[in-house]
Amino acid sequence: MIFSKLFDHTNLRPYATTEDIKKLCQEAITYNFKSVAINNANIEKCRQFLSGSDVLIDAAVGFPLGQSTLDTKLFETRDAITKGADEVDYVINVAAVKDKDFQYIEQEMQAIVGICRESDVTCKVIFENCYLEEDEIIALCQIANKFKPDFIKTSTGFGPSGATIKDVQLMRRHALPEIGIKAAGGIRDLATVEKMIEAGATRIGCSSSVEILKEWQQKA
């Protein structure tokens, strides 16, 4: 694996301007990142800015709260794909997990993974672990094992805390080997990235990708 391709180079700020998104895309091309992770309103801008490159567009669905209706999330997923998204990161309905309504979580995951699979688009399921107990994270891993999204993801980066080594290890223990683990939220240096990879992460989502890659290059 090329180290730079571990990164979803991220700008999900609600106030990100067109210039900010252009800069994000230019950095992703320059540093050979896997994707740019952006809000859906910026998909078509990214298509323009990334034209001719192999950098993917990673769209956030139900972001950051996960509290949209299922119909809304399904529409948003299809709309993101139609507009040019290559990957979709959707936020589960955390309240349904807290209610132990795992039937709803299954319905949601099956439907969104299905849409992505039909379009050959990578699907990542955001758990938002900062709100969950260990048994709830395990239950979500078991549901993921049933519907097999491409990745399960720790966090949005908008909760009270982000990725932790403990959570990545837990997800890796309970998810099938073919399901990737995306660590995101609060990852700002190379040492943290290396710990996340050691714990089982196979994709890193962060806005500090450039600084981390430079740190890696200096170390190499």
N, C-alpha and C. Protein backbone atom coordinates (compact mmCIF):
# COMPACT_ATOMS: atom_id res chain seq x y z
N MET A 1 0.85 -1.20 0.00
CA MET A 1 0.00 0.00 0.00
C MET A 1 0.88 1.25 0.00
N ILE A 2 0.63 2.17 -0.93
CA ILE A 2 1.30 3.47 -0.93
C ILE A 2 0.78 4.27 0.25
N PHE A 3 1.70 4.78 1.07
CA PHE A 3 1.32 5.44 2.32
C PHE A 3 0.32 6.56 2.08
N SER A 4 0.53 7.39 1.09
CA SER A 4 -0.36 8.54 0.86
C SER A 4 -1.78 8.11 0.54
N LYS A 5 -1.93 6.89 -0.02
CA LYS A 5 -3.26 6.41 -0.40
C LYS A 5 -4.07 5.90 0.80
N LEU A 6 -3.51 5.99 1.99
CA LEU A 6 -4.29 5.70 3.20
C LEU A 6 -5.26 6.83 3.53
N PHE A 7 -5.06 8.01 2.95
CA PHE A 7 -5.72 9.21 3.44
C PHE A 7 -6.91 9.67 2.61
N ASP A 8 -8.01 9.93 3.32
CA ASP A 8 -9.12 10.71 2.78
C ASP A 8 -8.88 12.14 3.26
N HIS A 9 -8.41 12.98 2.37
CA HIS A 9 -8.04 14.37 2.70
C HIS A 9 -9.33 15.17 2.87
N THR A 10 -9.52 15.74 4.05
CA THR A 10 -10.86 16.13 4.49
C THR A 10 -11.04 17.63 4.70
N ASN A 11 -12.15 18.14 4.17
CA ASN A 11 -12.63 19.46 4.58
C ASN A 11 -14.15 19.40 4.60
N LEU A 12 -14.70 19.21 5.79
CA LEU A 12 -16.15 19.12 5.98
C LEU A 12 -16.70 20.32 6.74
N ARG A 13 -15.89 21.38 6.80
CA ARG A 13 -16.32 22.57 7.52
C ARG A 13 -17.51 23.20 6.80
N PRO A 14 -18.53 23.64 7.56
CA PRO A 14 -19.71 24.22 6.91
C PRO A 14 -19.43 25.54 6.22
N TYR A 15 -18.30 26.16 6.55
CA TYR A 15 -17.97 27.46 5.97
C TYR A 15 -16.85 27.36 4.92
N ALA A 16 -16.54 26.13 4.46
CA ALA A 16 -15.50 25.96 3.45
C ALA A 16 -15.92 26.64 2.15
N THR A 17 -15.08 27.55 1.66
CA THR A 17 -15.37 28.29 0.44
C THR A 17 -14.93 27.49 -0.79
N THR A 18 -15.29 27.99 -1.95
CA THR A 18 -14.84 27.35 -3.18
C THR A 18 -13.32 27.31 -3.24
N GLU A 19 -12.66 28.37 -2.81
CA GLU A 19 -11.20 28.39 -2.78
C GLU A 19 -10.64 27.33 -1.83
N ASP A 20 -11.31 27.15 -0.71
CA ASP A 20 -10.89 26.10 0.23
C ASP A 20 -10.97 24.72 -0.41
N ILE A 21 -12.06 24.48 -1.12
CA ILE A 21 -12.26 23.17 -1.76
C ILE A 21 -11.27 22.98 -2.91
N LYS A 22 -11.01 24.04 -3.65
CA LYS A 22 -10.00 23.98 -4.72
C LYS A 22 -8.64 23.63 -4.14
N LYS A 23 -8.28 24.26 -3.03
CA LYS A 23 -7.00 23.99 -2.37
C LYS A 23 -6.94 22.54 -1.90
N LEU A 24 -8.03 22.05 -1.32
CA LEU A 24 -8.10 20.66 -0.88
C LEU A 24 -7.82 19.71 -2.03
N CYS A 25 -8.46 19.96 -3.16
CA CYS A 25 -8.29 19.09 -4.33
C CYS A 25 -6.87 19.17 -4.88
N GLN A 26 -6.33 20.37 -4.94
CA GLN A 26 -4.96 20.52 -5.44
C GLN A 26 -3.96 19.79 -4.54
N GLU A 27 -4.17 19.88 -3.24
CA GLU A 27 -3.31 19.16 -2.30
C GLU A 27 -3.44 17.65 -2.48
N ALA A 28 -4.66 17.20 -2.67
CA ALA A 28 -4.89 15.76 -2.85
C ALA A 28 -4.18 15.24 -4.09
N ILE A 29 -4.16 16.03 -5.16
CA ILE A 29 -3.45 15.64 -6.38
C ILE A 29 -1.94 15.68 -6.14
N THR A 30 -1.47 16.75 -5.54
CA THR A 30 -0.03 16.93 -5.32
C THR A 30 0.54 15.82 -4.45
N TYR A 31 -0.19 15.46 -3.40
CA TYR A 31 0.33 14.51 -2.41
C TYR A 31 -0.20 13.08 -2.63
N ASN A 32 -0.97 12.89 -3.71
CA ASN A 32 -1.41 11.54 -4.11
C ASN A 32 -2.28 10.87 -3.05
N PHE A 33 -3.21 11.63 -2.47
CA PHE A 33 -4.13 11.06 -1.49
C PHE A 33 -5.19 10.21 -2.18
N LYS A 34 -5.83 9.35 -1.42
CA LYS A 34 -6.86 8.47 -1.97
C LYS A 34 -8.08 9.25 -2.43
N SER A 35 -8.53 10.17 -1.58
CA SER A 35 -9.76 10.89 -1.90
C SER A 35 -9.78 12.25 -1.22
N VAL A 36 -10.76 13.05 -1.62
CA VAL A 36 -11.14 14.23 -0.84
C VAL A 36 -12.49 13.92 -0.21
N ALA A 37 -12.59 14.16 1.08
CA ALA A 37 -13.84 13.92 1.82
C ALA A 37 -14.52 15.26 2.03
N ILE A 38 -15.72 15.39 1.47
CA ILE A 38 -16.37 16.70 1.42
C ILE A 38 -17.88 16.57 1.64
N ASN A 39 -18.51 17.70 1.93
CA ASN A 39 -19.96 17.75 1.97
C ASN A 39 -20.51 17.72 0.55
N ASN A 40 -21.72 17.22 0.39
CA ASN A 40 -22.27 16.94 -0.94
C ASN A 40 -22.40 18.16 -1.84
N ALA A 41 -22.57 19.33 -1.25
CA ALA A 41 -22.71 20.54 -2.05
C ALA A 41 -21.45 20.82 -2.87
N ASN A 42 -20.34 20.18 -2.49
CA ASN A 42 -19.07 20.44 -3.17
C ASN A 42 -18.68 19.35 -4.18
N ILE A 43 -19.53 18.35 -4.38
CA ILE A 43 -19.17 17.24 -5.26
C ILE A 43 -18.84 17.72 -6.67
N GLU A 44 -19.71 18.52 -7.24
CA GLU A 44 -19.52 18.94 -8.64
C GLU A 44 -18.30 19.86 -8.78
N LYS A 45 -18.03 20.67 -7.76
CA LYS A 45 -16.80 21.48 -7.78
C LYS A 45 -15.58 20.56 -7.79
N CYS A 46 -15.62 19.53 -6.97
CA CYS A 46 -14.49 18.60 -6.90
C CYS A 46 -14.29 17.86 -8.21
N ARG A 47 -15.37 17.52 -8.87
CA ARG A 47 -15.25 16.86 -10.19
C ARG A 47 -14.45 17.74 -11.13
N GLN A 48 -14.71 19.02 -11.08
CA GLN A 48 -13.99 19.96 -11.94
C GLN A 48 -12.52 20.07 -11.50
N PHE A 49 -12.30 20.27 -10.21
CA PHE A 49 -10.94 20.51 -9.71
C PHE A 49 -10.06 19.26 -9.80
N LEU A 50 -10.67 18.07 -9.77
CA LEU A 50 -9.91 16.82 -9.79
C LEU A 50 -9.84 16.18 -11.18
N SER A 51 -10.36 16.86 -12.18
CA SER A 51 -10.42 16.31 -13.53
C SER A 51 -9.03 15.86 -14.00
N GLY A 52 -8.98 14.62 -14.49
CA GLY A 52 -7.73 14.07 -15.01
C GLY A 52 -6.86 13.40 -13.98
N SER A 53 -7.27 13.43 -12.71
CA SER A 53 -6.50 12.78 -11.64
C SER A 53 -7.18 11.49 -11.21
N ASP A 54 -6.49 10.70 -10.37
CA ASP A 54 -7.10 9.47 -9.85
C ASP A 54 -7.61 9.65 -8.42
N VAL A 55 -7.66 10.89 -7.96
CA VAL A 55 -8.19 11.17 -6.61
C VAL A 55 -9.71 11.01 -6.63
N LEU A 56 -10.22 10.27 -5.67
CA LEU A 56 -11.65 9.99 -5.60
C LEU A 56 -12.40 11.08 -4.83
N ILE A 57 -13.70 11.12 -5.05
CA ILE A 57 -14.58 12.05 -4.31
C ILE A 57 -15.37 11.25 -3.30
N ASP A 58 -15.20 11.62 -2.03
CA ASP A 58 -15.82 10.90 -0.91
C ASP A 58 -16.88 11.80 -0.28
N ALA A 59 -18.15 11.45 -0.47
CA ALA A 59 -19.25 12.30 -0.05
C ALA A 59 -19.83 11.85 1.29
N ALA A 60 -20.19 12.81 2.11
CA ALA A 60 -20.78 12.53 3.42
C ALA A 60 -22.30 12.54 3.32
N VAL A 61 -22.93 11.51 3.84
CA VAL A 61 -24.40 11.37 3.79
C VAL A 61 -24.95 11.31 5.21
N GLY A 62 -26.05 12.04 5.45
CA GLY A 62 -26.64 12.08 6.80
C GLY A 62 -25.69 12.71 7.79
N PHE A 63 -24.91 13.65 7.33
CA PHE A 63 -23.77 14.17 8.09
C PHE A 63 -24.12 15.49 8.75
N PRO A 64 -23.66 15.73 9.99
CA PRO A 64 -22.89 14.82 10.85
C PRO A 64 -23.71 14.08 11.91
N LEU A 65 -25.02 14.30 11.94
CA LEU A 65 -25.82 13.77 13.05
C LEU A 65 -26.44 12.41 12.79
N GLY A 66 -26.62 12.05 11.53
CA GLY A 66 -27.23 10.77 11.21
C GLY A 66 -28.72 10.70 11.47
N GLN A 67 -29.34 11.85 11.71
CA GLN A 67 -30.74 11.85 12.14
C GLN A 67 -31.74 12.14 11.02
N SER A 68 -31.29 12.09 9.77
CA SER A 68 -32.22 12.18 8.65
C SER A 68 -33.07 10.91 8.58
N THR A 69 -34.24 11.02 7.97
CA THR A 69 -35.04 9.83 7.75
C THR A 69 -34.32 8.90 6.77
N LEU A 70 -34.71 7.64 6.76
CA LEU A 70 -34.10 6.69 5.83
C LEU A 70 -34.33 7.12 4.39
N ASP A 71 -35.54 7.56 4.07
CA ASP A 71 -35.82 8.00 2.70
C ASP A 71 -34.90 9.15 2.30
N THR A 72 -34.66 10.07 3.24
CA THR A 72 -33.79 11.20 2.96
C THR A 72 -32.36 10.72 2.70
N LYS A 73 -31.88 9.78 3.52
CA LYS A 73 -30.52 9.26 3.32
C LYS A 73 -30.39 8.51 2.00
N LEU A 74 -31.42 7.78 1.63
CA LEU A 74 -31.37 7.06 0.36
C LEU A 74 -31.34 8.02 -0.82
N PHE A 75 -32.16 9.07 -0.75
CA PHE A 75 -32.13 10.09 -1.80
C PHE A 75 -30.77 10.76 -1.85
N GLU A 76 -30.23 11.11 -0.68
CA GLU A 76 -28.95 11.80 -0.62
C GLU A 76 -27.83 10.92 -1.18
N THR A 77 -27.89 9.63 -0.89
CA THR A 77 -26.89 8.69 -1.43
C THR A 77 -26.96 8.66 -2.94
N ARG A 78 -28.16 8.48 -3.48
CA ARG A 78 -28.31 8.43 -4.94
C ARG A 78 -27.90 9.74 -5.59
N ASP A 79 -28.28 10.86 -4.97
CA ASP A 79 -27.94 12.17 -5.51
C ASP A 79 -26.43 12.38 -5.53
N ALA A 80 -25.76 11.98 -4.45
CA ALA A 80 -24.30 12.12 -4.38
C ALA A 80 -23.62 11.31 -5.48
N ILE A 81 -24.11 10.09 -5.69
CA ILE A 81 -23.52 9.22 -6.71
C ILE A 81 -23.78 9.80 -8.10
N THR A 82 -24.99 10.28 -8.34
CA THR A 82 -25.33 10.88 -9.63
C THR A 82 -24.44 12.08 -9.94
N LYS A 83 -24.13 12.84 -8.90
CA LYS A 83 -23.34 14.06 -9.11
C LYS A 83 -21.84 13.76 -9.22
N GLY A 84 -21.43 12.52 -8.90
CA GLY A 84 -20.04 12.17 -9.14
C GLY A 84 -19.27 11.59 -7.97
N ALA A 85 -19.94 11.25 -6.89
CA ALA A 85 -19.23 10.66 -5.74
C ALA A 85 -18.74 9.26 -6.09
N ASP A 86 -17.50 8.97 -5.71
CA ASP A 86 -16.91 7.64 -5.88
C ASP A 86 -17.02 6.81 -4.61
N GLU A 87 -17.17 7.49 -3.49
CA GLU A 87 -17.29 6.85 -2.18
C GLU A 87 -18.35 7.60 -1.38
N VAL A 88 -19.01 6.88 -0.49
CA VAL A 88 -20.04 7.46 0.37
C VAL A 88 -19.75 7.07 1.81
N ASP A 89 -19.66 8.07 2.69
CA ASP A 89 -19.56 7.84 4.14
C ASP A 89 -20.88 8.27 4.75
N TYR A 90 -21.68 7.33 5.24
CA TYR A 90 -22.96 7.73 5.84
C TYR A 90 -22.94 7.51 7.34
N VAL A 91 -23.66 8.37 8.05
CA VAL A 91 -23.74 8.29 9.51
C VAL A 91 -24.98 7.49 9.89
N ILE A 92 -24.77 6.46 10.71
CA ILE A 92 -25.91 5.67 11.18
C ILE A 92 -26.84 6.53 12.03
N ASN A 93 -28.05 6.04 12.25
CA ASN A 93 -28.96 6.69 13.19
C ASN A 93 -28.57 6.26 14.61
N VAL A 94 -27.77 7.09 15.25
CA VAL A 94 -27.24 6.76 16.58
C VAL A 94 -28.37 6.57 17.59
N ALA A 95 -29.41 7.38 17.49
CA ALA A 95 -30.54 7.26 18.42
C ALA A 95 -31.18 5.89 18.33
N ALA A 96 -31.25 5.32 17.12
CA ALA A 96 -31.82 3.98 16.96
C ALA A 96 -30.97 2.95 17.68
N VAL A 97 -29.65 3.13 17.64
CA VAL A 97 -28.76 2.21 18.37
C VAL A 97 -29.03 2.32 19.87
N LYS A 98 -29.14 3.55 20.37
CA LYS A 98 -29.38 3.74 21.81
C LYS A 98 -30.72 3.15 22.22
N ASP A 99 -31.67 3.13 21.29
CA ASP A 99 -32.99 2.52 21.55
C ASP A 99 -32.97 1.00 21.36
N LYS A 100 -31.80 0.46 20.97
CA LYS A 100 -31.66 -0.97 20.66
C LYS A 100 -32.55 -1.40 19.50
N ASP A 101 -32.82 -0.44 18.61
CA ASP A 101 -33.63 -0.76 17.42
C ASP A 101 -32.68 -1.18 16.30
N PHE A 102 -32.10 -2.35 16.46
CA PHE A 102 -31.12 -2.82 15.48
C PHE A 102 -31.76 -3.25 14.17
N GLN A 103 -33.06 -3.52 14.21
CA GLN A 103 -33.77 -3.83 12.96
C GLN A 103 -33.73 -2.61 12.03
N TYR A 104 -33.88 -1.42 12.61
CA TYR A 104 -33.80 -0.20 11.81
C TYR A 104 -32.39 -0.01 11.25
N ILE A 105 -31.39 -0.24 12.08
CA ILE A 105 -30.00 -0.10 11.65
C ILE A 105 -29.70 -1.07 10.50
N GLU A 106 -30.22 -2.29 10.60
CA GLU A 106 -30.05 -3.27 9.52
C GLU A 106 -30.71 -2.79 8.24
N GLN A 107 -31.94 -2.28 8.36
CA GLN A 107 -32.66 -1.79 7.19
C GLN A 107 -31.89 -0.66 6.52
N GLU A 108 -31.40 0.26 7.34
CA GLU A 108 -30.66 1.40 6.83
C GLU A 108 -29.37 0.96 6.12
N MET A 109 -28.60 0.08 6.78
CA MET A 109 -27.33 -0.35 6.21
C MET A 109 -27.54 -1.17 4.94
N GLN A 110 -28.48 -2.07 4.96
CA GLN A 110 -28.75 -2.90 3.78
C GLN A 110 -29.10 -2.02 2.58
N ALA A 111 -29.93 -1.02 2.81
CA ALA A 111 -30.39 -0.17 1.71
C ALA A 111 -29.26 0.69 1.15
N ILE A 112 -28.48 1.32 2.02
CA ILE A 112 -27.43 2.23 1.54
C ILE A 112 -26.28 1.45 0.93
N VAL A 113 -25.88 0.36 1.56
CA VAL A 113 -24.83 -0.48 0.97
C VAL A 113 -25.29 -0.99 -0.40
N GLY A 114 -26.57 -1.37 -0.50
CA GLY A 114 -27.10 -1.87 -1.76
C GLY A 114 -27.02 -0.84 -2.88
N ILE A 115 -27.38 0.40 -2.58
CA ILE A 115 -27.31 1.46 -3.59
C ILE A 115 -25.87 1.66 -4.04
N CYS A 116 -24.95 1.70 -3.08
CA CYS A 116 -23.54 1.89 -3.42
C CYS A 116 -23.01 0.73 -4.26
N ARG A 117 -23.38 -0.48 -3.88
CA ARG A 117 -22.89 -1.66 -4.59
C ARG A 117 -23.39 -1.67 -6.03
N GLU A 118 -24.64 -1.30 -6.22
CA GLU A 118 -25.20 -1.26 -7.58
C GLU A 118 -24.45 -0.29 -8.49
N SER A 119 -23.89 0.76 -7.89
CA SER A 119 -23.20 1.79 -8.65
C SER A 119 -21.70 1.65 -8.60
N ASP A 120 -21.21 0.56 -7.99
CA ASP A 120 -19.78 0.33 -7.85
C ASP A 120 -19.10 1.47 -7.11
N VAL A 121 -19.75 1.91 -6.05
CA VAL A 121 -19.26 3.01 -5.21
C VAL A 121 -18.91 2.44 -3.83
N THR A 122 -17.78 2.85 -3.29
CA THR A 122 -17.35 2.40 -1.98
C THR A 122 -18.28 2.95 -0.90
N CYS A 123 -18.67 2.10 0.04
CA CYS A 123 -19.56 2.51 1.13
C CYS A 123 -18.85 2.38 2.47
N LYS A 124 -18.86 3.48 3.24
CA LYS A 124 -18.30 3.48 4.58
C LYS A 124 -19.40 3.85 5.57
N VAL A 125 -19.50 3.09 6.65
CA VAL A 125 -20.55 3.29 7.65
C VAL A 125 -19.94 3.94 8.89
N ILE A 126 -20.40 5.14 9.21
CA ILE A 126 -19.86 5.87 10.36
C ILE A 126 -20.66 5.52 11.61
N PHE A 127 -19.96 4.94 12.59
CA PHE A 127 -20.62 4.53 13.84
C PHE A 127 -20.82 5.70 14.80
N GLU A 128 -19.91 6.65 14.84
CA GLU A 128 -19.85 7.73 15.84
C GLU A 128 -19.72 7.14 17.24
N ASN A 129 -18.57 6.49 17.45
CA ASN A 129 -18.32 5.69 18.65
C ASN A 129 -18.36 6.48 19.96
N CYS A 130 -18.13 7.79 19.89
CA CYS A 130 -18.10 8.58 21.13
C CYS A 130 -19.42 8.53 21.88
N TYR A 131 -20.50 8.18 21.18
CA TYR A 131 -21.82 8.10 21.83
C TYR A 131 -22.21 6.67 22.20
N LEU A 132 -21.35 5.70 21.88
CA LEU A 132 -21.74 4.29 21.99
C LEU A 132 -20.99 3.56 23.09
N GLU A 133 -21.65 2.54 23.64
CA GLU A 133 -21.01 1.63 24.58
C GLU A 133 -20.35 0.50 23.78
N GLU A 134 -19.47 -0.23 24.43
CA GLU A 134 -18.72 -1.29 23.75
C GLU A 134 -19.65 -2.32 23.14
N ASP A 135 -20.70 -2.71 23.86
CA ASP A 135 -21.61 -3.73 23.33
C ASP A 135 -22.37 -3.22 22.11
N GLU A 136 -22.60 -1.92 22.05
CA GLU A 136 -23.29 -1.33 20.89
C GLU A 136 -22.37 -1.31 19.66
N ILE A 137 -21.09 -1.02 19.88
CA ILE A 137 -20.13 -1.06 18.78
C ILE A 137 -20.01 -2.49 18.24
N ILE A 138 -19.98 -3.46 19.14
CA ILE A 138 -19.90 -4.86 18.72
C ILE A 138 -21.14 -5.25 17.91
N ALA A 139 -22.30 -4.81 18.38
CA ALA A 139 -23.55 -5.11 17.66
C ALA A 139 -23.52 -4.51 16.25
N LEU A 140 -22.99 -3.31 16.12
CA LEU A 140 -22.90 -2.68 14.80
C LEU A 140 -21.92 -3.43 13.90
N CYS A 141 -20.83 -3.92 14.47
CA CYS A 141 -19.89 -4.73 13.69
C CYS A 141 -20.57 -5.99 13.18
N GLN A 142 -21.39 -6.60 14.01
CA GLN A 142 -22.09 -7.82 13.62
C GLN A 142 -23.08 -7.56 12.49
N ILE A 143 -23.74 -6.40 12.54
CA ILE A 143 -24.64 -6.02 11.45
C ILE A 143 -23.84 -5.77 10.17
N ALA A 144 -22.70 -5.10 10.31
CA ALA A 144 -21.83 -4.86 9.16
C ALA A 144 -21.36 -6.18 8.54
N ASN A 145 -21.09 -7.16 9.38
CA ASN A 145 -20.67 -8.47 8.86
C ASN A 145 -21.75 -9.10 7.99
N LYS A 146 -23.00 -8.75 8.27
CA LYS A 146 -24.12 -9.30 7.52
C LYS A 146 -24.25 -8.63 6.14
N PHE A 147 -24.03 -7.31 6.09
CA PHE A 147 -24.29 -6.57 4.84
C PHE A 147 -23.01 -6.13 4.13
N LYS A 148 -21.89 -6.27 4.79
CA LYS A 148 -20.57 -6.10 4.19
C LYS A 148 -20.34 -4.77 3.46
N PRO A 149 -20.44 -3.65 4.18
CA PRO A 149 -19.95 -2.41 3.59
C PRO A 149 -18.44 -2.52 3.38
N ASP A 150 -17.88 -1.65 2.58
CA ASP A 150 -16.44 -1.71 2.33
C ASP A 150 -15.63 -1.33 3.57
N PHE A 151 -16.16 -0.38 4.34
CA PHE A 151 -15.49 0.09 5.55
C PHE A 151 -16.51 0.36 6.64
N ILE A 152 -16.08 0.24 7.88
CA ILE A 152 -16.78 0.84 9.01
C ILE A 152 -15.85 1.90 9.58
N LYS A 153 -16.44 2.97 10.08
CA LYS A 153 -15.67 4.18 10.41
C LYS A 153 -15.96 4.61 11.83
N THR A 154 -14.94 5.11 12.50
CA THR A 154 -15.05 5.42 13.94
C THR A 154 -15.93 6.62 14.23
N SER A 155 -15.79 7.69 13.44
CA SER A 155 -16.28 8.99 13.90
C SER A 155 -16.53 9.94 12.73
N THR A 156 -17.34 10.97 13.00
CA THR A 156 -17.51 12.06 12.04
C THR A 156 -16.44 13.12 12.20
N GLY A 157 -15.89 13.22 13.39
CA GLY A 157 -15.01 14.34 13.72
C GLY A 157 -15.77 15.52 14.29
N PHE A 158 -17.10 15.41 14.36
CA PHE A 158 -17.92 16.49 14.89
C PHE A 158 -18.47 16.17 16.28
N GLY A 159 -18.23 14.97 16.77
CA GLY A 159 -18.68 14.60 18.11
C GLY A 159 -17.71 15.10 19.17
N PRO A 160 -17.98 14.80 20.44
CA PRO A 160 -17.10 15.27 21.52
C PRO A 160 -15.73 14.62 21.53
N SER A 161 -15.57 13.49 20.84
CA SER A 161 -14.24 12.89 20.67
C SER A 161 -14.22 12.13 19.35
N GLY A 162 -12.99 11.83 18.88
CA GLY A 162 -12.84 11.16 17.60
C GLY A 162 -12.34 9.74 17.74
N ALA A 163 -11.48 9.34 16.82
CA ALA A 163 -10.98 7.96 16.80
C ALA A 163 -10.12 7.68 18.02
N THR A 164 -10.26 6.48 18.56
CA THR A 164 -9.39 6.01 19.64
C THR A 164 -8.80 4.66 19.25
N ILE A 165 -7.63 4.38 19.79
CA ILE A 165 -6.99 3.09 19.53
C ILE A 165 -7.88 1.95 20.01
N LYS A 166 -8.46 2.12 21.17
CA LYS A 166 -9.31 1.08 21.75
C LYS A 166 -10.49 0.74 20.83
N ASP A 167 -11.12 1.77 20.28
CA ASP A 167 -12.27 1.53 19.41
C ASP A 167 -11.86 0.86 18.10
N VAL A 168 -10.73 1.29 17.53
CA VAL A 168 -10.26 0.66 16.30
C VAL A 168 -9.95 -0.82 16.54
N GLN A 169 -9.30 -1.11 17.66
CA GLN A 169 -8.99 -2.51 18.01
C GLN A 169 -10.27 -3.32 18.17
N LEU A 170 -11.26 -2.72 18.83
CA LEU A 170 -12.53 -3.41 19.04
C LEU A 170 -13.23 -3.70 17.72
N MET A 171 -13.27 -2.72 16.84
CA MET A 171 -13.90 -2.90 15.54
C MET A 171 -13.16 -3.96 14.71
N ARG A 172 -11.83 -3.94 14.79
CA ARG A 172 -11.05 -4.91 14.02
C ARG A 172 -11.29 -6.33 14.54
N ARG A 173 -11.45 -6.48 15.84
CA ARG A 173 -11.68 -7.81 16.40
C ARG A 173 -13.03 -8.39 15.98
N HIS A 174 -14.02 -7.53 15.81
CA HIS A 174 -15.38 -8.02 15.61
C HIS A 174 -15.90 -7.89 14.18
N ALA A 175 -15.19 -7.17 13.32
CA ALA A 175 -15.59 -7.07 11.92
C ALA A 175 -14.87 -8.13 11.10
N LEU A 176 -15.51 -8.57 10.04
CA LEU A 176 -14.87 -9.52 9.13
C LEU A 176 -13.58 -8.92 8.56
N PRO A 177 -12.60 -9.76 8.26
CA PRO A 177 -11.31 -9.26 7.74
C PRO A 177 -11.45 -8.43 6.48
N GLU A 178 -12.45 -8.75 5.63
CA GLU A 178 -12.57 -8.03 4.37
C GLU A 178 -13.21 -6.65 4.52
N ILE A 179 -13.73 -6.34 5.70
CA ILE A 179 -14.28 -5.01 5.95
C ILE A 179 -13.17 -4.11 6.49
N GLY A 180 -12.90 -3.02 5.78
CA GLY A 180 -11.87 -2.10 6.23
C GLY A 180 -12.32 -1.27 7.42
N ILE A 181 -11.35 -0.70 8.12
CA ILE A 181 -11.63 0.17 9.25
C ILE A 181 -11.10 1.56 8.92
N LYS A 182 -11.96 2.56 8.92
CA LYS A 182 -11.53 3.94 8.72
C LYS A 182 -11.50 4.64 10.07
N ALA A 183 -10.33 5.15 10.43
CA ALA A 183 -10.17 5.94 11.66
C ALA A 183 -10.24 7.41 11.27
N ALA A 184 -11.08 8.16 11.95
CA ALA A 184 -11.24 9.58 11.64
C ALA A 184 -11.62 10.34 12.91
N GLY A 185 -11.21 11.60 12.93
CA GLY A 185 -11.54 12.45 14.07
C GLY A 185 -10.37 12.62 15.01
N GLY A 186 -9.76 13.80 15.00
CA GLY A 186 -8.70 14.12 15.94
C GLY A 186 -7.33 13.55 15.60
N ILE A 187 -7.14 13.09 14.37
CA ILE A 187 -5.85 12.52 13.97
C ILE A 187 -5.02 13.64 13.33
N ARG A 188 -3.94 14.02 14.02
CA ARG A 188 -3.21 15.22 13.59
C ARG A 188 -1.71 15.02 13.44
N ASP A 189 -1.19 13.81 13.72
CA ASP A 189 0.26 13.61 13.59
C ASP A 189 0.56 12.18 13.18
N LEU A 190 1.79 11.97 12.73
CA LEU A 190 2.21 10.67 12.22
C LEU A 190 2.17 9.59 13.29
N ALA A 191 2.56 9.92 14.50
CA ALA A 191 2.57 8.92 15.58
C ALA A 191 1.18 8.34 15.80
N THR A 192 0.16 9.20 15.73
CA THR A 192 -1.22 8.72 15.89
C THR A 192 -1.63 7.85 14.72
N VAL A 193 -1.26 8.25 13.52
CA VAL A 193 -1.58 7.45 12.33
C VAL A 193 -0.96 6.06 12.46
N GLU A 194 0.30 6.00 12.85
CA GLU A 194 0.98 4.71 12.99
C GLU A 194 0.31 3.83 14.03
N LYS A 195 -0.15 4.43 15.12
CA LYS A 195 -0.86 3.66 16.15
C LYS A 195 -2.20 3.15 15.63
N MET A 196 -2.89 3.97 14.85
CA MET A 196 -4.17 3.56 14.28
C MET A 196 -3.99 2.40 13.31
N ILE A 197 -2.96 2.46 12.48
CA ILE A 197 -2.69 1.39 11.53
C ILE A 197 -2.34 0.10 12.28
N GLU A 198 -1.53 0.23 13.30
CA GLU A 198 -1.15 -0.93 14.11
C GLU A 198 -2.38 -1.56 14.77
N ALA A 199 -3.35 -0.71 15.14
CA ALA A 199 -4.58 -1.20 15.77
C ALA A 199 -5.53 -1.86 14.78
N GLY A 200 -5.31 -1.60 13.48
CA GLY A 200 -6.15 -2.25 12.47
C GLY A 200 -6.79 -1.32 11.45
N ALA A 201 -6.52 -0.02 11.52
CA ALA A 201 -7.11 0.92 10.56
C ALA A 201 -6.49 0.72 9.18
N THR A 202 -7.34 0.78 8.15
CA THR A 202 -6.88 0.65 6.77
C THR A 202 -7.15 1.89 5.95
N ARG A 203 -7.80 2.87 6.53
CA ARG A 203 -8.01 4.18 5.90
C ARG A 203 -8.01 5.22 7.02
N ILE A 204 -7.47 6.40 6.71
CA ILE A 204 -7.39 7.49 7.68
C ILE A 204 -8.11 8.70 7.11
N GLY A 205 -9.05 9.24 7.87
CA GLY A 205 -9.71 10.47 7.47
C GLY A 205 -9.23 11.61 8.34
N CYS A 206 -8.66 12.64 7.72
CA CYS A 206 -8.21 13.78 8.53
C CYS A 206 -7.97 15.00 7.65
N SER A 207 -7.94 16.15 8.30
CA SER A 207 -7.66 17.41 7.61
C SER A 207 -6.19 17.78 7.71
N SER A 208 -5.40 16.99 8.46
CA SER A 208 -3.96 17.26 8.63
C SER A 208 -3.11 16.35 7.75
N SER A 209 -3.68 15.85 6.68
CA SER A 209 -2.99 14.87 5.84
C SER A 209 -1.67 15.39 5.29
N VAL A 210 -1.64 16.64 4.85
CA VAL A 210 -0.42 17.20 4.26
C VAL A 210 0.70 17.23 5.29
N GLU A 211 0.39 17.73 6.49
CA GLU A 211 1.41 17.81 7.54
C GLU A 211 1.90 16.43 7.94
N ILE A 212 0.98 15.47 8.00
CA ILE A 212 1.36 14.10 8.37
C ILE A 212 2.24 13.48 7.30
N LEU A 213 1.90 13.70 6.03
CA LEU A 213 2.70 13.13 4.95
C LEU A 213 4.10 13.74 4.93
N LYS A 214 4.18 15.03 5.16
CA LYS A 214 5.50 15.67 5.22
C LYS A 214 6.33 15.10 6.36
N GLU A 215 5.68 14.86 7.49
CA GLU A 215 6.36 14.28 8.63
C GLU A 215 6.86 12.87 8.28
N TRP A 216 6.05 12.11 7.57
CA TRP A 216 6.43 10.76 7.14
C TRP A 216 7.62 10.80 6.17
N GLN A 217 7.59 11.76 5.24
CA GLN A 217 8.67 11.90 4.27
C GLN A 217 9.99 12.26 4.96
N GLN A 218 9.93 13.12 5.96
CA GLN A 218 11.13 13.50 6.70
C GLN A 218 11.69 12.31 7.48
N LYS A 219 10.77 11.51 8.02
CA LYS A 219 11.19 10.33 8.79
C LYS A 219 11.82 9.29 7.88
N ALA A 220 11.28 9.16 6.67
CA ALA A 220 11.81 8.18 5.71
C ALA A 220 13.18 8.59 5.22
